[in-house]
Amino acid sequence: WRQRRLVMTGIATLAALYFTVSLPFRVEEQVASAE
């Protein structure tokens, strides 16, 4: 956005929204305690 690259800004915004919305569904089971 600072460099006025609007296409890159739009693509990155959509990608950030996708990962944000999908975060709750990405939680997996707890990893085992360290050795």
All heavy atoms as atom14 arrays in JSON, in Angstrom:
{
  "sequence": "WRQRRLVMTGIATLAALYFTVSLPFRVEEQVASAE",
  "atom14_mask": [
    [1, 1, 1, 1, 1, 1, 1, 1, 1, 1, 1, 1, 1, 1],
    [1, 1, 1, 1, 1, 1, 1, 1, 1, 1, 1, 0, 0, 0],
    [1, 1, 1, 1, 1, 1, 1, 1, 1, 0, 0, 0, 0, 0],
    [1, 1, 1, 1, 1, 1, 1, 1, 1, 1, 1, 0, 0, 0],
    [1, 1, 1, 1, 1, 1, 1, 1, 1, 1, 1, 0, 0, 0],
    [1, 1, 1, 1, 1, 1, 1, 1, 0, 0, 0, 0, 0, 0],
    [1, 1, 1, 1, 1, 1, 1, 0, 0, 0, 0, 0, 0, 0],
    [1, 1, 1, 1, 1, 1, 1, 1, 0, 0, 0, 0, 0, 0],
    [1, 1, 1, 1, 1, 1, 1, 0, 0, 0, 0, 0, 0, 0],
    [1, 1, 1, 1, 0, 0, 0, 0, 0, 0, 0, 0, 0, 0],
    [1, 1, 1, 1, 1, 1, 1, 1, 0, 0, 0, 0, 0, 0],
    [1, 1, 1, 1, 1, 0, 0, 0, 0, 0, 0, 0, 0, 0],
    [1, 1, 1, 1, 1, 1, 1, 0, 0, 0, 0, 0, 0, 0],
    [1, 1, 1, 1, 1, 1, 1, 1, 0, 0, 0, 0, 0, 0],
    [1, 1, 1, 1, 1, 0, 0, 0, 0, 0, 0, 0, 0, 0],
    [1, 1, 1, 1, 1, 0, 0, 0, 0, 0, 0, 0, 0, 0],
    [1, 1, 1, 1, 1, 1, 1, 1, 0, 0, 0, 0, 0, 0],
    [1, 1, 1, 1, 1, 1, 1, 1, 1, 1, 1, 1, 0, 0],
    [1, 1, 1, 1, 1, 1, 1, 1, 1, 1, 1, 0, 0, 0],
    [1, 1, 1, 1, 1, 1, 1, 0, 0, 0, 0, 0, 0, 0],
    [1, 1, 1, 1, 1, 1, 1, 0, 0, 0, 0, 0, 0, 0],
    [1, 1, 1, 1, 1, 1, 0, 0, 0, 0, 0, 0, 0, 0],
    [1, 1, 1, 1, 1, 1, 1, 1, 0, 0, 0, 0, 0, 0],
    [1, 1, 1, 1, 1, 1, 1, 0, 0, 0, 0, 0, 0, 0],
    [1, 1, 1, 1, 1, 1, 1, 1, 1, 1, 1, 0, 0, 0],
    [1, 1, 1, 1, 1, 1, 1, 1, 1, 1, 1, 0, 0, 0],
    [1, 1, 1, 1, 1, 1, 1, 0, 0, 0, 0, 0, 0, 0],
    [1, 1, 1, 1, 1, 1, 1, 1, 1, 0, 0, 0, 0, 0],
    [1, 1, 1, 1, 1, 1, 1, 1, 1, 0, 0, 0, 0, 0],
    [1, 1, 1, 1, 1, 1, 1, 1, 1, 0, 0, 0, 0, 0],
    [1, 1, 1, 1, 1, 1, 1, 0, 0, 0, 0, 0, 0, 0],
    [1, 1, 1, 1, 1, 0, 0, 0, 0, 0, 0, 0, 0, 0],
    [1, 1, 1, 1, 1, 1, 0, 0, 0, 0, 0, 0, 0, 0],
    [1, 1, 1, 1, 1, 0, 0, 0, 0, 0, 0, 0, 0, 0],
    [1, 1, 1, 1, 1, 1, 1, 1, 1, 0, 0, 0, 0, 0]
  ],
  "atom14_positions": [
    [[0.84, -1.2, 0.0], [0.0, 0.0, 0.0], [0.87, 1.25, 0.0], [0.56, 2.22, -0.69], [-0.91, -0.03, 1.23], [-1.74, 1.21, 1.37], [-1.49, 2.29, 2.17], [-2.95, 1.51, 0.67], [-2.46, 3.24, 2.03], [-3.39, 2.78, 1.11], [-3.71, 0.82, -0.28], [-4.55, 3.38, 0.63], [-4.88, 1.42, -0.74], [-5.29, 2.68, -0.3]],
    [[1.96, 1.21, 0.77], [2.87, 2.35, 0.8], [3.49, 2.58, -0.56], [3.73, 3.73, -0.96], [3.95, 2.09, 1.85], [4.98, 3.2, 1.97], [6.08, 2.79, 2.94], [7.1, 3.8, 3.06], [8.23, 3.66, 3.72], [8.49, 2.49, 4.31], [9.12, 4.63, 3.8], [0.0, 0.0, 0.0], [0.0, 0.0, 0.0], [0.0, 0.0, 0.0]],
    [[3.74, 1.5, -1.32], [4.34, 1.61, -2.64], [3.29, 1.77, -3.74], [3.62, 1.74, -4.92], [5.19, 0.36, -2.91], [6.35, 0.21, -1.95], [7.11, -1.09, -2.16], [6.68, -1.96, -2.94], [8.26, -1.23, -1.47], [0.0, 0.0, 0.0], [0.0, 0.0, 0.0], [0.0, 0.0, 0.0], [0.0, 0.0, 0.0], [0.0, 0.0, 0.0]],
    [[2.01, 1.89, -3.34], [0.88, 2.08, -4.26], [0.77, 0.93, -5.26], [0.42, 1.13, -6.43], [1.01, 3.42, -4.99], [1.04, 4.6, -4.03], [1.03, 5.92, -4.77], [1.08, 7.04, -3.89], [0.03, 7.55, -3.23], [-1.16, 7.0, -3.38], [0.19, 8.58, -2.43], [0.0, 0.0, 0.0], [0.0, 0.0, 0.0], [0.0, 0.0, 0.0]],
    [[1.05, -0.27, -4.82], [0.88, -1.46, -5.67], [-0.45, -2.07, -5.28], [-0.56, -2.96, -4.44], [2.04, -2.42, -5.45], [3.39, -1.78, -5.81], [4.56, -2.63, -5.38], [4.59, -3.92, -6.07], [5.51, -4.85, -5.88], [6.5, -4.62, -5.01], [5.47, -5.99, -6.54], [0.0, 0.0, 0.0], [0.0, 0.0, 0.0], [0.0, 0.0, 0.0]],
    [[-1.5, -1.57, -5.93], [-2.86, -1.88, -5.51], [-3.22, -3.34, -5.74], [-3.96, -3.94, -4.95], [-3.85, -0.97, -6.25], [-3.65, 0.54, -5.99], [-4.72, 1.35, -6.72], [-3.69, 0.84, -4.5], [0.0, 0.0, 0.0], [0.0, 0.0, 0.0], [0.0, 0.0, 0.0], [0.0, 0.0, 0.0], [0.0, 0.0, 0.0], [0.0, 0.0, 0.0]],
    [[-2.73, -3.93, -6.84], [-3.07, -5.33, -7.12], [-2.48, -6.23, -6.04], [-3.17, -7.11, -5.49], [-2.55, -5.74, -8.51], [-2.79, -7.24, -8.73], [-3.24, -4.93, -9.6], [0.0, 0.0, 0.0], [0.0, 0.0, 0.0], [0.0, 0.0, 0.0], [0.0, 0.0, 0.0], [0.0, 0.0, 0.0], [0.0, 0.0, 0.0], [0.0, 0.0, 0.0]],
    [[-1.22, -6.01, -5.73], [-0.58, -6.79, -4.68], [-1.28, -6.57, -3.34], [-1.47, -7.51, -2.55], [0.89, -6.41, -4.57], [1.64, -7.15, -3.45], [1.67, -8.93, -3.69], [2.83, -9.02, -5.07], [0.0, 0.0, 0.0], [0.0, 0.0, 0.0], [0.0, 0.0, 0.0], [0.0, 0.0, 0.0], [0.0, 0.0, 0.0], [0.0, 0.0, 0.0]],
    [[-1.7, -5.33, -3.1], [-2.41, -5.03, -1.85], [-3.7, -5.82, -1.77], [-4.03, -6.41, -0.73], [-2.71, -3.53, -1.75], [-1.48, -2.79, -1.8], [-3.45, -3.21, -0.47], [0.0, 0.0, 0.0], [0.0, 0.0, 0.0], [0.0, 0.0, 0.0], [0.0, 0.0, 0.0], [0.0, 0.0, 0.0], [0.0, 0.0, 0.0], [0.0, 0.0, 0.0]],
    [[-4.45, -5.87, -2.87], [-5.72, -6.6, -2.87], [-5.54, -8.09, -2.67], [-6.27, -8.73, -1.89], [0.0, 0.0, 0.0], [0.0, 0.0, 0.0], [0.0, 0.0, 0.0], [0.0, 0.0, 0.0], [0.0, 0.0, 0.0], [0.0, 0.0, 0.0], [0.0, 0.0, 0.0], [0.0, 0.0, 0.0], [0.0, 0.0, 0.0], [0.0, 0.0, 0.0]],
    [[-4.55, -8.66, -3.39], [-4.32, -10.11, -3.28], [-3.9, -10.47, -1.85], [-4.4, -11.44, -1.26], [-3.24, -10.56, -4.28], [-3.76, -10.38, -5.72], [-2.83, -12.0, -4.04], [-2.72, -10.64, -6.77], [0.0, 0.0, 0.0], [0.0, 0.0, 0.0], [0.0, 0.0, 0.0], [0.0, 0.0, 0.0], [0.0, 0.0, 0.0], [0.0, 0.0, 0.0]],
    [[-2.97, -9.7, -1.31], [-2.5, -9.98, 0.05], [-3.61, -9.8, 1.07], [-3.71, -10.56, 2.05], [-1.32, -9.06, 0.38], [0.0, 0.0, 0.0], [0.0, 0.0, 0.0], [0.0, 0.0, 0.0], [0.0, 0.0, 0.0], [0.0, 0.0, 0.0], [0.0, 0.0, 0.0], [0.0, 0.0, 0.0], [0.0, 0.0, 0.0], [0.0, 0.0, 0.0]],
    [[-4.49, -8.82, 0.85], [-5.62, -8.61, 1.78], [-6.56, -9.8, 1.76], [-6.99, -10.29, 2.82], [-6.38, -7.34, 1.4], [-5.48, -6.21, 1.48], [-7.55, -7.11, 2.34], [0.0, 0.0, 0.0], [0.0, 0.0, 0.0], [0.0, 0.0, 0.0], [0.0, 0.0, 0.0], [0.0, 0.0, 0.0], [0.0, 0.0, 0.0], [0.0, 0.0, 0.0]],
    [[-6.9, -10.3, 0.57], [-7.8, -11.46, 0.47], [-7.17, -12.7, 1.11], [-7.84, -13.47, 1.81], [-8.13, -11.73, -1.0], [-9.03, -10.68, -1.68], [-9.18, -11.0, -3.16], [-10.4, -10.64, -1.01], [0.0, 0.0, 0.0], [0.0, 0.0, 0.0], [0.0, 0.0, 0.0], [0.0, 0.0, 0.0], [0.0, 0.0, 0.0], [0.0, 0.0, 0.0]],
    [[-5.87, -12.87, 0.87], [-5.18, -14.02, 1.45], [-5.16, -13.92, 2.98], [-5.37, -14.91, 3.7], [-3.76, -14.12, 0.91], [0.0, 0.0, 0.0], [0.0, 0.0, 0.0], [0.0, 0.0, 0.0], [0.0, 0.0, 0.0], [0.0, 0.0, 0.0], [0.0, 0.0, 0.0], [0.0, 0.0, 0.0], [0.0, 0.0, 0.0], [0.0, 0.0, 0.0]],
    [[-4.91, -12.71, 3.5], [-4.89, -12.52, 4.95], [-6.27, -12.8, 5.54], [-6.39, -13.44, 6.6], [-4.44, -11.1, 5.29], [0.0, 0.0, 0.0], [0.0, 0.0, 0.0], [0.0, 0.0, 0.0], [0.0, 0.0, 0.0], [0.0, 0.0, 0.0], [0.0, 0.0, 0.0], [0.0, 0.0, 0.0], [0.0, 0.0, 0.0], [0.0, 0.0, 0.0]],
    [[-7.33, -12.37, 4.85], [-8.69, -12.64, 5.33], [-8.98, -14.14, 5.33], [-9.61, -14.67, 6.25], [-9.71, -11.9, 4.46], [-9.76, -10.38, 4.63], [-10.69, -9.76, 3.6], [-10.23, -10.02, 6.05], [0.0, 0.0, 0.0], [0.0, 0.0, 0.0], [0.0, 0.0, 0.0], [0.0, 0.0, 0.0], [0.0, 0.0, 0.0], [0.0, 0.0, 0.0]],
    [[-8.52, -14.84, 4.29], [-8.74, -16.29, 4.21], [-8.1, -17.0, 5.4], [-8.73, -17.82, 6.08], [-8.18, -16.84, 2.9], [-8.04, -18.34, 2.91], [-9.15, -19.18, 2.8], [-6.77, -18.94, 3.08], [-9.01, -20.56, 2.85], [-6.62, -20.31, 3.12], [-7.75, -21.11, 3.0], [-7.61, -22.48, 3.06], [0.0, 0.0, 0.0], [0.0, 0.0, 0.0]],
    [[-6.83, -16.71, 5.65], [-6.14, -17.38, 6.76], [-6.74, -16.98, 8.11], [-6.8, -17.79, 9.03], [-4.64, -17.06, 6.72], [-3.89, -17.86, 5.72], [-3.4, -17.28, 4.56], [-3.67, -19.23, 5.92], [-2.7, -18.02, 3.63], [-2.97, -19.98, 4.99], [-2.48, -19.38, 3.83], [0.0, 0.0, 0.0], [0.0, 0.0, 0.0], [0.0, 0.0, 0.0]],
    [[-7.2, -15.72, 8.24], [-7.81, -15.28, 9.5], [-9.09, -16.05, 9.78], [-9.31, -16.54, 10.89], [-8.09, -13.78, 9.45], [-6.87, -13.06, 9.23], [-8.72, -13.31, 10.75], [0.0, 0.0, 0.0], [0.0, 0.0, 0.0], [0.0, 0.0, 0.0], [0.0, 0.0, 0.0], [0.0, 0.0, 0.0], [0.0, 0.0, 0.0], [0.0, 0.0, 0.0]],
    [[-9.95, -16.16, 8.76], [-11.22, -16.86, 8.94], [-11.01, -18.34, 9.19], [-11.75, -18.98, 9.95], [-12.12, -16.63, 7.7], [-13.38, -17.5, 7.79], [-12.5, -15.16, 7.59], [0.0, 0.0, 0.0], [0.0, 0.0, 0.0], [0.0, 0.0, 0.0], [0.0, 0.0, 0.0], [0.0, 0.0, 0.0], [0.0, 0.0, 0.0], [0.0, 0.0, 0.0]],
    [[-9.97, -18.92, 8.59], [-9.76, -20.36, 8.71], [-9.01, -20.77, 9.97], [-8.93, -21.96, 10.29], [-8.98, -20.88, 7.49], [-7.65, -20.36, 7.47], [0.0, 0.0, 0.0], [0.0, 0.0, 0.0], [0.0, 0.0, 0.0], [0.0, 0.0, 0.0], [0.0, 0.0, 0.0], [0.0, 0.0, 0.0], [0.0, 0.0, 0.0], [0.0, 0.0, 0.0]],
    [[-8.46, -19.79, 10.71], [-7.65, -20.14, 11.88], [-8.38, -21.03, 12.89], [-7.83, -22.01, 13.37], [-7.15, -18.86, 12.57], [-5.81, -18.3, 12.09], [-5.45, -17.06, 12.89], [-4.71, -19.33, 12.2], [0.0, 0.0, 0.0], [0.0, 0.0, 0.0], [0.0, 0.0, 0.0], [0.0, 0.0, 0.0], [0.0, 0.0, 0.0], [0.0, 0.0, 0.0]],
    [[-9.63, -20.69, 13.28], [-10.29, -21.55, 14.28], [-10.42, -23.01, 13.84], [-10.49, -23.91, 14.69], [-11.68, -20.9, 14.46], [-11.49, -19.49, 14.02], [-10.48, -19.55, 12.92], [0.0, 0.0, 0.0], [0.0, 0.0, 0.0], [0.0, 0.0, 0.0], [0.0, 0.0, 0.0], [0.0, 0.0, 0.0], [0.0, 0.0, 0.0], [0.0, 0.0, 0.0]],
    [[-10.48, -23.25, 12.53], [-10.66, -24.61, 12.03], [-9.32, -25.35, 11.85], [-9.31, -26.52, 11.49], [-11.41, -24.57, 10.7], [-12.72, -23.83, 10.78], [-12.81, -22.51, 10.34], [-13.84, -24.43, 11.33], [-14.01, -21.81, 10.41], [-15.04, -23.74, 11.41], [-15.12, -22.43, 10.95], [0.0, 0.0, 0.0], [0.0, 0.0, 0.0], [0.0, 0.0, 0.0]],
    [[-8.23, -24.65, 12.08], [-6.91, -25.26, 11.91], [-6.34, -25.84, 13.21], [-5.3, -26.46, 13.2], [-5.91, -24.22, 11.36], [-6.19, -23.79, 9.93], [-5.28, -22.66, 9.5], [-5.42, -22.37, 8.08], [-4.65, -22.89, 7.13], [-3.65, -23.69, 7.46], [-4.84, -22.61, 5.86], [0.0, 0.0, 0.0], [0.0, 0.0, 0.0], [0.0, 0.0, 0.0]],
    [[-7.04, -25.56, 14.33], [-6.53, -26.03, 15.62], [-6.59, -27.55, 15.67], [-7.64, -28.16, 15.45], [-7.35, -25.43, 16.78], [-6.83, -25.96, 18.12], [-7.27, -23.91, 16.74], [0.0, 0.0, 0.0], [0.0, 0.0, 0.0], [0.0, 0.0, 0.0], [0.0, 0.0, 0.0], [0.0, 0.0, 0.0], [0.0, 0.0, 0.0], [0.0, 0.0, 0.0]],
    [[-5.46, -28.15, 15.96], [-5.38, -29.61, 16.05], [-5.22, -30.03, 17.5], [-5.22, -29.2, 18.41], [-4.17, -30.11, 15.23], [-4.23, -29.7, 13.76], [-2.92, -29.96, 13.04], [-1.97, -30.45, 13.7], [-2.84, -29.68, 11.84], [0.0, 0.0, 0.0], [0.0, 0.0, 0.0], [0.0, 0.0, 0.0], [0.0, 0.0, 0.0], [0.0, 0.0, 0.0]],
    [[-5.07, -31.32, 17.74], [-4.91, -31.81, 19.09], [-3.57, -31.35, 19.67], [-2.63, -31.06, 18.95], [-4.98, -33.34, 19.12], [-6.36, -33.88, 18.76], [-6.42, -35.39, 18.94], [-5.42, -35.97, 19.38], [-7.48, -35.96, 18.65], [0.0, 0.0, 0.0], [0.0, 0.0, 0.0], [0.0, 0.0, 0.0], [0.0, 0.0, 0.0], [0.0, 0.0, 0.0]],
    [[-3.53, -31.34, 21.01], [-2.33, -30.87, 21.7], [-1.11, -31.72, 21.35], [-1.18, -32.94, 21.27], [-2.57, -30.93, 23.22], [-1.39, -30.46, 24.04], [-1.66, -30.56, 25.53], [-2.66, -31.13, 25.92], [-0.76, -30.04, 26.33], [0.0, 0.0, 0.0], [0.0, 0.0, 0.0], [0.0, 0.0, 0.0], [0.0, 0.0, 0.0], [0.0, 0.0, 0.0]],
    [[-0.01, -31.03, 21.15], [1.25, -31.71, 20.9], [1.78, -32.27, 22.22], [1.63, -31.67, 23.28], [2.27, -30.74, 20.27], [3.6, -31.43, 20.05], [1.72, -30.18, 18.97], [0.0, 0.0, 0.0], [0.0, 0.0, 0.0], [0.0, 0.0, 0.0], [0.0, 0.0, 0.0], [0.0, 0.0, 0.0], [0.0, 0.0, 0.0], [0.0, 0.0, 0.0]],
    [[2.39, -33.45, 22.19], [2.89, -34.07, 23.41], [3.96, -33.21, 24.06], [4.64, -32.42, 23.41], [3.47, -35.46, 23.1], [0.0, 0.0, 0.0], [0.0, 0.0, 0.0], [0.0, 0.0, 0.0], [0.0, 0.0, 0.0], [0.0, 0.0, 0.0], [0.0, 0.0, 0.0], [0.0, 0.0, 0.0], [0.0, 0.0, 0.0], [0.0, 0.0, 0.0]],
    [[4.09, -33.37, 25.39], [5.1, -32.61, 26.14], [6.5, -32.98, 25.66], [6.74, -34.08, 25.16], [4.98, -32.9, 27.64], [3.73, -32.46, 28.12], [0.0, 0.0, 0.0], [0.0, 0.0, 0.0], [0.0, 0.0, 0.0], [0.0, 0.0, 0.0], [0.0, 0.0, 0.0], [0.0, 0.0, 0.0], [0.0, 0.0, 0.0], [0.0, 0.0, 0.0]],
    [[7.42, -32.04, 25.84], [8.79, -32.24, 25.37], [9.47, -33.36, 26.16], [9.11, -33.66, 27.3], [9.57, -30.94, 25.52], [0.0, 0.0, 0.0], [0.0, 0.0, 0.0], [0.0, 0.0, 0.0], [0.0, 0.0, 0.0], [0.0, 0.0, 0.0], [0.0, 0.0, 0.0], [0.0, 0.0, 0.0], [0.0, 0.0, 0.0], [0.0, 0.0, 0.0]],
    [[10.46, -33.98, 25.55], [11.22, -35.03, 26.23], [12.03, -34.42, 27.37], [12.37, -33.23, 27.36], [12.16, -35.7, 25.23], [11.44, -36.47, 24.12], [10.65, -37.65, 24.65], [11.13, -38.29, 25.62], [9.56, -37.91, 24.14], [0.0, 0.0, 0.0], [0.0, 0.0, 0.0], [0.0, 0.0, 0.0], [0.0, 0.0, 0.0], [0.0, 0.0, 0.0]]
  ]
}
